[in-house]
PDB file of N, CA and C in Angstrom:
ATOM      1  N   MET A   1     131.214-178.882  86.148  1.00  0.00           N
ATOM      2  CA  MET A   1     131.939-178.562  84.641  1.00  0.00           C
ATOM      3  C   MET A   1     130.779-178.850  83.420  1.00  0.00           C
ATOM      4  N   THR A   2     131.078-177.894  82.933  1.00  0.00           N
ATOM      5  CA  THR A   2     130.119-177.486  81.914  1.00  0.00           C
ATOM      6  C   THR A   2     130.560-178.579  80.396  1.00  0.00           C
ATOM      7  N   ALA A   3     129.510-179.021  79.775  1.00  0.00           N
ATOM      8  CA  ALA A   3     130.152-179.867  78.821  1.00  0.00           C
ATOM      9  C   ALA A   3     130.124-179.302  77.471  1.00  0.00           C
ATOM     10  N   ASN A   4     130.976-179.081  76.470  1.00  0.00           N
ATOM     11  CA  ASN A   4     131.307-178.361  75.223  1.00  0.00           C
ATOM     12  C   ASN A   4     129.862-178.567  74.576  1.00  0.00           C
ATOM     13  N   PRO A   5     129.500-177.297  73.767  1.00  0.00           N
ATOM     14  CA  PRO A   5     128.351-177.361  72.547  1.00  0.00           C
ATOM     15  C   PRO A   5     128.348-178.040  71.788  1.00  0.00           C
ATOM     16  N   SER A   6     127.340-178.420  71.308  1.00  0.00           N
ATOM     17  CA  SER A   6     127.462-179.433  70.170  1.00  0.00           C
ATOM     18  C   SER A   6     127.205-178.672  68.862  1.00  0.00           C
ATOM     19  N   VAL A   7     127.454-178.983  67.927  1.00  0.00           N
ATOM     20  CA  VAL A   7     126.713-178.685  66.548  1.00  0.00           C
ATOM     21  C   VAL A   7     125.334-179.075  65.980  1.00  0.00           C
ATOM     22  N   THR A   8     124.637-177.914  65.908  1.00  0.00           N
ATOM     23  CA  THR A   8     123.205-178.394  65.793  1.00  0.00           C
ATOM     24  C   THR A   8     122.840-178.303  64.336  1.00  0.00           C
ATOM     25  N   GLU A   9     123.427-177.730  63.465  1.00  0.00           N
ATOM     26  CA  GLU A   9     123.475-177.349  61.795  1.00  0.00           C
ATOM     27  C   GLU A   9     124.930-176.700  61.018  1.00  0.00           C
ATOM     28  N   LEU A  10     125.123-177.283  59.941  1.00  0.00           N
ATOM     29  CA  LEU A  10     126.247-176.648  59.197  1.00  0.00           C
ATOM     30  C   LEU A  10     125.390-175.777  58.649  1.00  0.00           C
ATOM     31  N   ILE A  11     126.097-174.833  58.110  1.00  0.00           N
ATOM     32  CA  ILE A  11     125.487-173.590  57.194  1.00  0.00           C
ATOM     33  C   ILE A  11     126.592-173.124  56.187  1.00  0.00           C
ATOM     34  N   GLY A  12     126.433-173.411  54.971  1.00  0.00           N
ATOM     35  CA  GLY A  12     127.331-173.323  53.834  1.00  0.00           C
ATOM     36  C   GLY A  12     127.035-172.065  52.903  1.00  0.00           C
ATOM     37  N   ILE A  13     127.869-171.148  52.933  1.00  0.00           N
ATOM     38  CA  ILE A  13     127.253-169.819  52.240  1.00  0.00           C
ATOM     39  C   ILE A  13     128.074-169.567  50.843  1.00  0.00           C
ATOM     40  N   TYR A  14     127.350-169.664  49.722  1.00  0.00           N
ATOM     41  CA  TYR A  14     127.894-169.476  48.672  1.00  0.00           C
ATOM     42  C   TYR A  14     128.641-168.425  48.159  1.00  0.00           C
ATOM     43  N   HIS A  15     129.422-168.041  47.469  1.00  0.00           N
ATOM     44  CA  HIS A  15     130.007-166.767  47.039  1.00  0.00           C
ATOM     45  C   HIS A  15     129.338-166.305  45.797  1.00  0.00           C
ATOM     46  N   ALA A  16     128.046-166.427  45.994  1.00  0.00           N
ATOM     47  CA  ALA A  16     127.172-165.494  44.818  1.00  0.00           C
ATOM     48  C   ALA A  16     125.576-165.515  45.577  1.00  0.00           C
ATOM     49  N   ASP A  17     125.062-164.651  44.732  1.00  0.00           N
ATOM     50  CA  ASP A  17     123.669-164.339  44.767  1.00  0.00           C
ATOM     51  C   ASP A  17     122.829-165.322  44.387  1.00  0.00           C
ATOM     52  N   GLY A  18     121.727-165.607  44.989  1.00  0.00           N
ATOM     53  CA  GLY A  18     120.629-166.677  44.530  1.00  0.00           C
ATOM     54  C   GLY A  18     119.766-165.821  43.543  1.00  0.00           C
ATOM     55  N   GLY A  19     118.671-166.667  43.424  1.00  0.00           N
ATOM     56  CA  GLY A  19     117.612-166.154  42.307  1.00  0.00           C
ATOM     57  C   GLY A  19     118.147-166.125  40.734  1.00  0.00           C
ATOM     58  N   PRO A  20     117.337-165.781  40.141  1.00  0.00           N
ATOM     59  CA  PRO A  20     117.521-165.975  38.343  1.00  0.00           C
ATOM     60  C   PRO A  20     118.521-165.120  38.262  1.00  0.00           C
ATOM     61  N   LEU A  21     118.283-163.655  38.555  1.00  0.00           N
ATOM     62  CA  LEU A  21     119.270-162.945  37.999  1.00  0.00           C
ATOM     63  C   LEU A  21     120.737-162.827  39.046  1.00  0.00           C
ATOM     64  N   GLY A  22     121.001-163.428  40.350  1.00  0.00           N
ATOM     65  CA  GLY A  22     122.006-163.743  40.992  1.00  0.00           C
ATOM     66  C   GLY A  22     122.704-165.158  40.285  1.00  0.00           C
ATOM     67  N   GLU A  23     121.932-166.069  39.889  1.00  0.00           N
ATOM     68  CA  GLU A  23     122.806-167.163  39.284  1.00  0.00           C
ATOM     69  C   GLU A  23     123.050-167.027  37.942  1.00  0.00           C
ATOM     70  N   THR A  24     122.480-166.092  36.920  1.00  0.00           N
ATOM     71  CA  THR A  24     122.538-165.791  35.909  1.00  0.00           C
ATOM     72  C   THR A  24     124.027-165.045  35.637  1.00  0.00           C
ATOM     73  N   LYS A  25     124.088-164.149  36.717  1.00  0.00           N
ATOM     74  CA  LYS A  25     125.165-163.378  36.863  1.00  0.00           C
ATOM     75  C   LYS A  25     126.730-164.137  37.348  1.00  0.00           C
ATOM     76  N   TYR A  26     126.215-165.033  37.993  1.00  0.00           N
ATOM     77  CA  TYR A  26     127.351-166.282  38.447  1.00  0.00           C
ATOM     78  C   TYR A  26     127.747-167.079  37.294  1.00  0.00           C
ATOM     79  N   PHE A  27     126.820-167.483  36.322  1.00  0.00           N
ATOM     80  CA  PHE A  27     127.126-168.333  35.554  1.00  0.00           C
ATOM     81  C   PHE A  27     127.792-167.522  34.297  1.00  0.00           C
ATOM     82  N   ILE A  28     127.385-166.452  34.177  1.00  0.00           N
ATOM     83  CA  ILE A  28     128.200-165.781  32.899  1.00  0.00           C
ATOM     84  C   ILE A  28     129.638-165.056  33.529  1.00  0.00           C
ATOM     85  N   GLY A  29     129.676-165.245  34.728  1.00  0.00           N
ATOM     86  CA  GLY A  29     131.088-164.596  35.687  1.00  0.00           C
ATOM     87  C   GLY A  29     131.868-165.982  35.305  1.00  0.00           C
ATOM     88  N   ARG A  30     131.225-167.383  35.743  1.00  0.00           N
ATOM     89  CA  ARG A  30     132.031-168.227  35.511  1.00  0.00           C
ATOM     90  C   ARG A  30     132.499-168.765  34.423  1.00  0.00           C
ATOM     91  N   LEU A  31     131.727-168.619  33.102  1.00  0.00           N
ATOM     92  CA  LEU A  31     132.056-168.695  31.942  1.00  0.00           C
ATOM     93  C   LEU A  31     133.455-167.716  31.481  1.00  0.00           C
ATOM     94  N   LEU A  32     133.288-166.266  32.026  1.00  0.00           N
ATOM     95  CA  LEU A  32     134.160-165.444  31.588  1.00  0.00           C
ATOM     96  C   LEU A  32     135.225-165.317  32.601  1.00  0.00           C
ATOM     97  N   GLY A  33     135.422-166.323  33.453  1.00  0.00           N
ATOM     98  CA  GLY A  33     136.366-166.489  34.486  1.00  0.00           C
ATOM     99  C   GLY A  33     136.720-165.405  35.817  1.00  0.00           C
ATOM    100  N   THR A  34     135.362-164.623  35.635  1.00  0.00           N
ATOM    101  CA  THR A  34     135.600-163.490  36.410  1.00  0.00           C
ATOM    102  C   THR A  34     134.462-163.927  37.963  1.00  0.00           C
ATOM    103  N   ALA A  35     134.301-165.039  38.305  1.00  0.00           N
ATOM    104  CA  ALA A  35     133.288-165.375  39.271  1.00  0.00           C
ATOM    105  C   ALA A  35     133.595-166.746  39.699  1.00  0.00           C
ATOM    106  N   HIS A  36     133.967-167.140  40.749  1.00  0.00           N
ATOM    107  CA  HIS A  36     134.498-168.327  41.370  1.00  0.00           C
ATOM    108  C   HIS A  36     133.646-168.777  42.665  1.00  0.00           C
ATOM    109  N   CYS A  37     133.381-169.646  43.004  1.00  0.00           N
ATOM    110  CA  CYS A  37     132.587-170.305  44.565  1.00  0.00           C
ATOM    111  C   CYS A  37     133.144-171.694  44.812  1.00  0.00           C
ATOM    112  N   ALA A  38     134.021-172.043  45.470  1.00  0.00           N
ATOM    113  CA  ALA A  38     134.441-173.078  45.739  1.00  0.00           C
ATOM    114  C   ALA A  38     133.510-174.056  46.494  1.00  0.00           C
ATOM    115  N   LEU A  39     132.882-173.582  47.082  1.00  0.00           N
ATOM    116  CA  LEU A  39     131.531-174.531  47.686  1.00  0.00           C
ATOM    117  C   LEU A  39     130.763-174.864  46.732  1.00  0.00           C
ATOM    118  N   CYS A  40     130.510-174.014  45.666  1.00  0.00           N
ATOM    119  CA  CYS A  40     129.509-174.322  44.518  1.00  0.00           C
ATOM    120  C   CYS A  40     130.246-175.305  44.274  1.00  0.00           C
ATOM    121  N   ASP A  41     131.428-175.553  43.982  1.00  0.00           N
ATOM    122  CA  ASP A  41     132.356-176.719  43.097  1.00  0.00           C
ATOM    123  C   ASP A  41     132.121-177.776  43.825  1.00  0.00           C
ATOM    124  N   VAL A  42     131.843-177.851  45.231  1.00  0.00           N
ATOM    125  CA  VAL A  42     131.951-179.035  45.758  1.00  0.00           C
ATOM    126  C   VAL A  42     130.698-179.583  45.535  1.00  0.00           C
ATOM    127  N   ALA A  43     129.807-178.799  46.025  1.00  0.00           N
ATOM    128  CA  ALA A  43     128.134-179.176  46.007  1.00  0.00           C
ATOM    129  C   ALA A  43     127.128-179.503  44.568  1.00  0.00           C
ATOM    130  N   HIS A  44     127.991-178.902  43.511  1.00  0.00           N
ATOM    131  CA  HIS A  44     127.421-178.726  42.286  1.00  0.00           C
ATOM    132  C   HIS A  44     128.565-179.470  41.213  1.00  0.00           C
ATOM    133  N   SER A  45     127.679-180.223  40.464  1.00  0.00           N
ATOM    134  CA  SER A  45     128.102-180.311  39.100  1.00  0.00           C
ATOM    135  C   SER A  45     128.071-179.079  38.385  1.00  0.00           C
ATOM    136  N   PRO A  46     128.219-179.045  36.709  1.00  0.00           N
ATOM    137  CA  PRO A  46     127.832-178.088  36.226  1.00  0.00           C
ATOM    138  C   PRO A  46     126.117-177.922  35.936  1.00  0.00           C
ATOM    139  N   VAL A  47     125.532-178.906  36.094  1.00  0.00           N
ATOM    140  CA  VAL A  47     123.856-178.787  35.904  1.00  0.00           C
ATOM    141  C   VAL A  47     123.095-179.083  36.909  1.00  0.00           C
ATOM    142  N   ARG A  48     123.648-179.551  38.171  1.00  0.00           N
ATOM    143  CA  ARG A  48     123.067-179.792  39.423  1.00  0.00           C
ATOM    144  C   ARG A  48     123.496-180.041  40.447  1.00  0.00           C
ATOM    145  N   ARG A  49     123.046-180.493  41.921  1.00  0.00           N
ATOM    146  CA  ARG A  49     123.708-180.798  42.693  1.00  0.00           C
ATOM    147  C   ARG A  49     124.294-182.345  42.892  1.00  0.00           C
ATOM    148  N   LYS A  50     125.322-182.530  43.103  1.00  0.00           N
ATOM    149  CA  LYS A  50     125.868-183.572  42.937  1.00  0.00           C
ATOM    150  C   LYS A  50     125.281-184.747  44.137  1.00  0.00           C
ATOM    151  N   PRO A  51     124.781-185.962  43.353  1.00  0.00           N
ATOM    152  CA  PRO A  51     124.584-186.998  44.281  1.00  0.00           C
ATOM    153  C   PRO A  51     125.299-187.230  45.470  1.00  0.00           C
ATOM    154  N   GLN A  52     126.661-187.041  45.262  1.00  0.00           N
ATOM    155  CA  GLN A  52     127.529-187.500  46.067  1.00  0.00           C
ATOM    156  C   GLN A  52     127.352-186.789  47.419  1.00  0.00           C
ATOM    157  N   TRP A  53     127.213-185.193  47.154  1.00  0.00           N
ATOM    158  CA  TRP A  53     126.780-184.547  48.160  1.00  0.00           C
ATOM    159  C   TRP A  53     125.721-184.867  49.189  1.00  0.00           C
ATOM    160  N   ASP A  54     124.744-185.240  48.562  1.00  0.00           N
ATOM    161  CA  ASP A  54     123.433-185.642  49.049  1.00  0.00           C
ATOM    162  C   ASP A  54     123.730-186.625  50.028  1.00  0.00           C
ATOM    163  N   SER A  55     124.609-187.829  49.744  1.00  0.00           N
ATOM    164  CA  SER A  55     124.731-188.924  50.473  1.00  0.00           C
ATOM    165  C   SER A  55     125.852-188.490  51.466  1.00  0.00           C
ATOM    166  N   MET A  56     126.816-187.760  51.503  1.00  0.00           N
ATOM    167  CA  MET A  56     127.714-187.069  52.273  1.00  0.00           C
ATOM    168  C   MET A  56     126.901-186.228  53.553  1.00  0.00           C
ATOM    169  N   VAL A  57     125.961-185.614  53.012  1.00  0.00           N
ATOM    170  CA  VAL A  57     125.286-185.064  54.345  1.00  0.00           C
ATOM    171  C   VAL A  57     124.322-185.773  54.776  1.00  0.00           C
ATOM    172  N   ALA A  58     123.899-186.946  54.166  1.00  0.00           N
ATOM    173  CA  ALA A  58     123.168-188.013  54.913  1.00  0.00           C
ATOM    174  C   ALA A  58     124.096-188.621  56.052  1.00  0.00           C
ATOM    175  N   ARG A  59     125.476-189.043  55.782  1.00  0.00           N
ATOM    176  CA  ARG A  59     126.206-189.731  56.554  1.00  0.00           C
ATOM    177  C   ARG A  59     126.730-188.707  57.887  1.00  0.00           C
ATOM    178  N   LEU A  60     126.734-187.553  57.364  1.00  0.00           N
ATOM    179  CA  LEU A  60     127.332-186.544  58.604  1.00  0.00           C
ATOM    180  C   LEU A  60     126.250-186.610  59.631  1.00  0.00           C
ATOM    181  N   GLY A  61     124.764-186.684  59.362  1.00  0.00           N
ATOM    182  CA  GLY A  61     123.926-186.571  60.630  1.00  0.00           C
ATOM    183  C   GLY A  61     123.753-185.332  61.087  1.00  0.00           C
ATOM    184  N   ILE A  62     124.383-184.182  60.555  1.00  0.00           N
ATOM    185  CA  ILE A  62     123.775-182.925  60.963  1.00  0.00           C
ATOM    186  C   ILE A  62     123.329-182.144  59.867  1.00  0.00           C
ATOM    187  N   PRO A  63     122.119-181.542  60.279  1.00  0.00           N
ATOM    188  CA  PRO A  63     121.318-180.831  59.038  1.00  0.00           C
ATOM    189  C   PRO A  63     122.368-179.856  58.472  1.00  0.00           C
ATOM    190  N   VAL A  64     122.362-179.615  57.129  1.00  0.00           N
ATOM    191  CA  VAL A  64     123.276-178.693  56.141  1.00  0.00           C
ATOM    192  C   VAL A  64     122.492-177.546  55.483  1.00  0.00           C
ATOM    193  N   VAL A  65     122.475-176.563  55.757  1.00  0.00           N
ATOM    194  CA  VAL A  65     121.758-175.382  54.996  1.00  0.00           C
ATOM    195  C   VAL A  65     122.847-174.744  54.191  1.00  0.00           C
ATOM    196  N   LEU A  66     122.055-174.849  52.930  1.00  0.00           N
ATOM    197  CA  LEU A  66     123.278-173.917  51.866  1.00  0.00           C
ATOM    198  C   LEU A  66     122.186-172.663  51.620  1.00  0.00           C
ATOM    199  N   LEU A  67     123.091-171.404  51.833  1.00  0.00           N
ATOM    200  CA  LEU A  67     122.676-170.050  51.096  1.00  0.00           C
ATOM    201  C   LEU A  67     123.596-169.603  50.292  1.00  0.00           C
ATOM    202  N   HIS A  68     122.824-168.682  49.513  1.00  0.00           N
ATOM    203  CA  HIS A  68     123.576-167.468  48.830  1.00  0.00           C
ATOM    204  C   HIS A  68     123.943-166.389  49.589  1.00  0.00           C
ATOM    205  N   LEU A  69     124.543-165.491  48.977  1.00  0.00           N
ATOM    206  CA  LEU A  69     124.844-164.260  49.710  1.00  0.00           C
ATOM    207  C   LEU A  69     123.870-163.409  50.410  1.00  0.00           C
ATOM    208  N   ASN A  70     122.856-163.171  49.258  1.00  0.00           N
ATOM    209  CA  ASN A  70     121.473-162.460  49.505  1.00  0.00           C
ATOM    210  C   ASN A  70     120.325-163.091  50.252  1.00  0.00           C
ATOM    211  N   GLU A  71     120.966-164.537  50.952  1.00  0.00           N
ATOM    212  CA  GLU A  71     119.963-165.087  51.580  1.00  0.00           C
ATOM    213  C   GLU A  71     120.340-165.301  53.076  1.00  0.00           C
ATOM    214  N   GLN A  72     121.261-164.821  53.510  1.00  0.00           N
ATOM    215  CA  GLN A  72     121.998-164.804  54.670  1.00  0.00           C
ATOM    216  C   GLN A  72     121.177-164.008  55.782  1.00  0.00           C
ATOM    217  N   PRO A  73     120.754-164.808  56.974  1.00  0.00           N
ATOM    218  CA  PRO A  73     120.267-163.892  58.026  1.00  0.00           C
ATOM    219  C   PRO A  73     121.319-162.874  58.568  1.00  0.00           C
ATOM    220  N   ALA A  74     120.772-162.000  59.496  1.00  0.00           N
ATOM    221  CA  ALA A  74     121.828-161.185  60.242  1.00  0.00           C
ATOM    222  C   ALA A  74     122.984-161.889  60.853  1.00  0.00           C
ATOM    223  N   ASP A  75     122.529-162.788  61.630  1.00  0.00           N
ATOM    224  CA  ASP A  75     123.635-163.331  62.333  1.00  0.00           C
ATOM    225  C   ASP A  75     124.830-164.201  61.398  1.00  0.00           C
ATOM    226  N   VAL A  76     124.501-164.548  60.320  1.00  0.00           N
ATOM    227  CA  VAL A  76     125.104-165.721  59.436  1.00  0.00           C
ATOM    228  C   VAL A  76     125.886-164.154  58.641  1.00  0.00           C
ATOM    229  N   SER A  77     125.350-163.363  58.445  1.00  0.00           N
ATOM    230  CA  SER A  77     125.901-162.240  57.220  1.00  0.00           C
ATOM    231  C   SER A  77     127.171-161.749  58.306  1.00  0.00           C
ATOM    232  N   ALA A  78     126.712-161.483  59.555  1.00  0.00           N
ATOM    233  CA  ALA A  78     127.846-161.035  60.761  1.00  0.00           C
ATOM    234  C   ALA A  78     128.972-161.826  60.756  1.00  0.00           C
ATOM    235  N   ALA A  79     128.783-162.989  60.742  1.00  0.00           N
ATOM    236  CA  ALA A  79     129.831-163.991  60.592  1.00  0.00           C
ATOM    237  C   ALA A  79     130.654-164.158  59.637  1.00  0.00           C
ATOM    238  N   THR A  80     130.181-163.942  58.275  1.00  0.00           N
ATOM    239  CA  THR A  80     130.560-164.122  57.407  1.00  0.00           C
ATOM    240  C   THR A  80     131.401-162.936  56.553  1.00  0.00           C
ATOM    241  N   ARG A  81     131.210-161.734  57.210  1.00  0.00           N
ATOM    242  CA  ARG A  81     131.756-160.456  56.947  1.00  0.00           C
ATOM    243  C   ARG A  81     133.427-160.787  58.017  1.00  0.00           C
ATOM    244  N   ARG A  82     133.348-161.477  58.742  1.00  0.00           N
ATOM    245  CA  ARG A  82     134.596-161.728  59.144  1.00  0.00           C
ATOM    246  C   ARG A  82     135.389-162.861  58.794  1.00  0.00           C
ATOM    247  N   THR A  83     134.717-163.739  58.218  1.00  0.00           N
ATOM    248  CA  THR A  83     135.038-165.289  57.542  1.00  0.00           C
ATOM    249  C   THR A  83     135.619-165.009  56.119  1.00  0.00           C
ATOM    250  N   GLY A  84     134.804-164.227  55.687  1.00  0.00           N
ATOM    251  CA  GLY A  84     134.800-164.313  53.979  1.00  0.00           C
ATOM    252  C   GLY A  84     133.896-165.433  53.503  1.00  0.00           C
ATOM    253  N   THR A  85     133.805-165.396  52.170  1.00  0.00           N
ATOM    254  CA  THR A  85     132.847-166.170  51.505  1.00  0.00           C
ATOM    255  C   THR A  85     133.586-166.815  50.323  1.00  0.00           C
ATOM    256  N   PRO A  86     133.236-168.320  50.161  1.00  0.00           N
ATOM    257  CA  PRO A  86     132.571-169.006  50.775  1.00  0.00           C
ATOM    258  C   PRO A  86     132.967-169.546  52.123  1.00  0.00           C
ATOM    259  N   ALA A  87     131.964-169.857  52.731  1.00  0.00           N
ATOM    260  CA  ALA A  87     132.353-170.678  53.899  1.00  0.00           C
ATOM    261  C   ALA A  87     131.450-171.435  54.469  1.00  0.00           C
ATOM    262  N   VAL A  88     131.721-172.224  55.552  1.00  0.00           N
ATOM    263  CA  VAL A  88     131.067-173.285  56.063  1.00  0.00           C
ATOM    264  C   VAL A  88     131.160-172.724  57.722  1.00  0.00           C
ATOM    265  N   LEU A  89     129.647-172.724  58.284  1.00  0.00           N
ATOM    266  CA  LEU A  89     129.768-172.156  59.695  1.00  0.00           C
ATOM    267  C   LEU A  89     128.992-173.280  60.644  1.00  0.00           C
ATOM    268  N   ALA A  90     129.443-173.452  61.743  1.00  0.00           N
ATOM    269  CA  ALA A  90     128.489-174.483  62.742  1.00  0.00           C
ATOM    270  C   ALA A  90     127.976-173.659  63.626  1.00  0.00           C
ATOM    271  N   ARG A  91     126.459-173.602  63.590  1.00  0.00           N
ATOM    272  CA  ARG A  91     125.596-173.450  65.017  1.00  0.00           C
ATOM    273  C   ARG A  91     125.759-174.198  65.863  1.00  0.00           C
ATOM    274  N   LEU A  92     126.100-173.697  66.965  1.00  0.00           N
ATOM    275  CA  LEU A  92     126.322-174.773  68.300  1.00  0.00           C
ATOM    276  C   LEU A  92     124.716-174.527  69.012  1.00  0.00           C
ATOM    277  N   SER A  93     125.018-175.303  70.011  1.00  0.00           N
ATOM    278  CA  SER A  93     123.869-175.852  70.777  1.00  0.00           C
ATOM    279  C   SER A  93     123.721-174.318  71.769  1.00  0.00           C
ATOM    280  N   ASP A  94     124.956-173.820  71.750  1.00  0.00           N
ATOM    281  CA  ASP A  94     124.701-172.487  72.604  1.00  0.00           C
ATOM    282  C   ASP A  94     124.239-171.235  72.066  1.00  0.00           C
ATOM    283  N   GLY A  95     123.835-171.747  70.770  1.00  0.00           N
ATOM    284  CA  GLY A  95     123.607-170.474  69.966  1.00  0.00           C
ATOM    285  C   GLY A  95     124.495-169.818  69.206  1.00  0.00           C
ATOM    286  N   SER A  96     125.435-169.745  69.399  1.00  0.00           N
ATOM    287  CA  SER A  96     126.800-169.164  68.650  1.00  0.00           C
ATOM    288  C   SER A  96     127.240-169.887  67.460  1.00  0.00           C
ATOM    289  N   LEU A  97     127.723-169.067  66.414  1.00  0.00           N
ATOM    290  CA  LEU A  97     127.884-169.334  65.136  1.00  0.00           C
ATOM    291  C   LEU A  97     129.591-169.723  65.248  1.00  0.00           C
ATOM    292  N   GLN A  98     130.260-170.458  64.634  1.00  0.00           N
ATOM    293  CA  GLN A  98     131.689-170.505  64.651  1.00  0.00           C
ATOM    294  C   GLN A  98     132.267-171.423  63.409  1.00  0.00           C
ATOM    295  N   PRO A  99     133.205-170.654  62.791  1.00  0.00           N
ATOM    296  CA  PRO A  99     133.817-170.953  61.365  1.00  0.00           C
ATOM    297  C   PRO A  99     134.134-172.289  61.445  1.00  0.00           C
ATOM    298  N   VAL A 100     133.939-172.919  60.443  1.00  0.00           N
ATOM    299  CA  VAL A 100     134.667-174.302  60.188  1.00  0.00           C
ATOM    300  C   VAL A 100     135.389-174.356  58.995  1.00  0.00           C
ATOM    301  N   LEU A 101     135.045-173.898  57.880  1.00  0.00           N
ATOM    302  CA  LEU A 101     135.729-173.580  56.734  1.00  0.00           C
ATOM    303  C   LEU A 101     135.801-172.417  55.862  1.00  0.00           C
ATOM    304  N   GLY A 102     136.763-171.893  55.773  1.00  0.00           N
ATOM    305  CA  GLY A 102     136.790-170.541  55.183  1.00  0.00           C
ATOM    306  C   GLY A 102     136.927-170.746  53.604  1.00  0.00           C
ATOM    307  N   PRO A 103     137.470-169.366  52.988  1.00  0.00           N
ATOM    308  CA  PRO A 103     137.541-169.650  51.565  1.00  0.00           C
ATOM    309  C   PRO A 103     138.723-170.271  51.076  1.00  0.00           C
ATOM    310  N   GLU A 104     139.764-170.411  51.533  1.00  0.00           N
ATOM    311  CA  GLU A 104     141.108-170.709  51.144  1.00  0.00           C
ATOM    312  C   GLU A 104     140.970-172.220  51.878  1.00  0.00           C
ATOM    313  N   ALA A 105     140.471-172.907  52.515  1.00  0.00           N
ATOM    314  CA  ALA A 105     140.274-174.288  52.938  1.00  0.00           C
ATOM    315  C   ALA A 105     139.454-174.759  52.021  1.00  0.00           C
ATOM    316  N   LEU A 106     138.497-174.158  51.408  1.00  0.00           N
ATOM    317  CA  LEU A 106     137.382-174.609  50.245  1.00  0.00           C
ATOM    318  C   LEU A 106     138.042-174.587  49.272  1.00  0.00           C
ATOM    319  N   ASP A 107     138.798-173.953  48.795  1.00  0.00           N
ATOM    320  CA  ASP A 107     139.404-173.776  47.572  1.00  0.00           C
ATOM    321  C   ASP A 107     140.422-175.055  47.919  1.00  0.00           C
ATOM    322  N   ARG A 108     141.297-175.100  48.772  1.00  0.00           N
ATOM    323  CA  ARG A 108     142.134-176.366  48.749  1.00  0.00           C
ATOM    324  C   ARG A 108     141.159-177.921  48.305  1.00  0.00           C
ATOM    325  N   LEU A 109     139.930-177.764  48.552  1.00  0.00           N
ATOM    326  CA  LEU A 109     139.131-179.133  48.418  1.00  0.00           C
ATOM    327  C   LEU A 109     138.961-179.704  46.759  1.00  0.00           C
ATOM    328  N   GLY A 110     139.475-178.603  45.977  1.00  0.00           N
ATOM    329  CA  GLY A 110     139.215-178.770  44.609  1.00  0.00           C
ATOM    330  C   GLY A 110     137.865-179.469  44.073  1.00  0.00           C
ATOM    331  N   GLY A 111     136.685-179.158  45.055  1.00  0.00           N
ATOM    332  CA  GLY A 111     135.499-179.612  44.199  1.00  0.00           C
ATOM    333  C   GLY A 111     135.248-181.070  44.619  1.00  0.00           C
ATOM    334  N   SER A 112     135.922-181.528  45.523  1.00  0.00           N
ATOM    335  CA  SER A 112     135.837-182.932  46.364  1.00  0.00           C
ATOM    336  C   SER A 112     134.942-183.130  47.162  1.00  0.00           C
ATOM    337  N   VAL A 113     133.789-183.755  47.155  1.00  0.00           N
ATOM    338  CA  VAL A 113     132.880-183.969  48.238  1.00  0.00           C
ATOM    339  C   VAL A 113     133.345-184.581  49.528  1.00  0.00           C
ATOM    340  N   ASP A 114     134.314-185.915  49.167  1.00  0.00           N
ATOM    341  CA  ASP A 114     135.063-186.453  49.847  1.00  0.00           C
ATOM    342  C   ASP A 114     136.045-185.623  50.860  1.00  0.00           C
ATOM    343  N   ASP A 115     136.883-184.731  50.333  1.00  0.00           N
ATOM    344  CA  ASP A 115     137.908-184.065  51.049  1.00  0.00           C
ATOM    345  C   ASP A 115     136.934-183.037  51.919  1.00  0.00           C
ATOM    346  N   PHE A 116     135.632-182.639  51.154  1.00  0.00           N
ATOM    347  CA  PHE A 116     134.951-181.577  52.040  1.00  0.00           C
ATOM    348  C   PHE A 116     134.529-182.537  53.368  1.00  0.00           C
ATOM    349  N   GLU A 117     134.056-183.543  53.338  1.00  0.00           N
ATOM    350  CA  GLU A 117     133.394-184.482  54.120  1.00  0.00           C
ATOM    351  C   GLU A 117     134.756-184.685  55.459  1.00  0.00           C
ATOM    352  N   THR A 118     135.536-184.871  54.928  1.00  0.00           N
ATOM    353  CA  THR A 118     136.854-185.108  55.918  1.00  0.00           C
ATOM    354  C   THR A 118     137.364-183.679  56.627  1.00  0.00           C
ATOM    355  N   ALA A 119     137.577-182.868  55.776  1.00  0.00           N
ATOM    356  CA  ALA A 119     137.607-181.604  56.316  1.00  0.00           C
ATOM    357  C   ALA A 119     136.963-180.970  57.454  1.00  0.00           C
ATOM    358  N   VAL A 120     135.662-181.225  57.265  1.00  0.00           N
ATOM    359  CA  VAL A 120     134.531-180.534  57.859  1.00  0.00           C
ATOM    360  C   VAL A 120     134.500-181.516  59.425  1.00  0.00           C
ATOM    361  N   THR A 121     134.503-182.911  59.083  1.00  0.00           N
ATOM    362  CA  THR A 121     134.752-184.023  60.260  1.00  0.00           C
ATOM    363  C   THR A 121     135.779-183.629  61.368  1.00  0.00           C
ATOM    364  N   GLU A 122     137.117-183.389  60.429  1.00  0.00           N
ATOM    365  CA  GLU A 122     137.978-183.334  61.504  1.00  0.00           C
ATOM    366  C   GLU A 122     137.993-181.691  62.099  1.00  0.00           C
ATOM    367  N   ALA A 123     137.734-180.791  61.283  1.00  0.00           N
ATOM    368  CA  ALA A 123     137.114-179.324  62.091  1.00  0.00           C
ATOM    369  C   ALA A 123     136.303-179.479  63.363  1.00  0.00           C
ATOM    370  N   ILE A 124     135.611-180.191  63.082  1.00  0.00           N
ATOM    371  CA  ILE A 124     134.386-180.388  64.232  1.00  0.00           C
ATOM    372  C   ILE A 124     135.256-181.252  65.678  1.00  0.00           C
ATOM    373  N   ALA A 125     135.832-182.225  65.081  1.00  0.00           N
ATOM    374  CA  ALA A 125     136.591-182.912  66.120  1.00  0.00           C
ATOM    375  C   ALA A 125     137.753-182.377  66.688  1.00  0.00           C
ATOM    376  N   THR A 126     138.178-181.537  66.209  1.00  0.00           N
ATOM    377  CA  THR A 126     139.417-180.690  66.662  1.00  0.00           C
ATOM    378  C   THR A 126     139.173-179.582  67.421  1.00  0.00           C
ATOM    379  N   ALA A 127     137.709-179.018  67.201  1.00  0.00           N
ATOM    380  CA  ALA A 127     136.981-178.003  68.304  1.00  0.00           C
ATOM    381  C   ALA A 127     136.399-178.979  69.217  1.00  0.00           C
ATOM    382  N   GLY A 128     136.112-180.139  69.010  1.00  0.00           N
ATOM    383  CA  GLY A 128     135.466-180.543  70.611  1.00  0.00           C
ATOM    384  C   GLY A 128     133.831-180.443  70.573  1.00  0.00           C
ATOM    385  N   TRP A 129     133.914-180.044  69.294  1.00  0.00           N
ATOM    386  CA  TRP A 129     131.950-180.111  69.204  1.00  0.00           C
ATOM    387  C   TRP A 129     131.625-181.384  69.128  1.00  0.00           C
TER     388      TRP A 129
END
């Protein structure tokens, strides 16, 4: 009997490009109501990363990598073409990438770090990773 693979890292992909131009574009779009990223809402306050986010990551005990759209390696990009963004993926010990939370699930969290932690923990437990 083969054991289920385990989660080796979580990968969060923002629905925005990184870098000065990408971040400026997102900020302006946010002000105009034309850009939205539910994962940004969970991880960041208007000016910096939320301290609650860092505490939650420490409690999870699983490395969490956050990437912008233009920072995705090929395998992550292929996965997010299927799931959409923002998204959270699990990289498993067998090398595969599996969806954990998609755009709609992240939207339902309303920016809550506590609800994010619960949703991720429940998704991992349900999948048996």
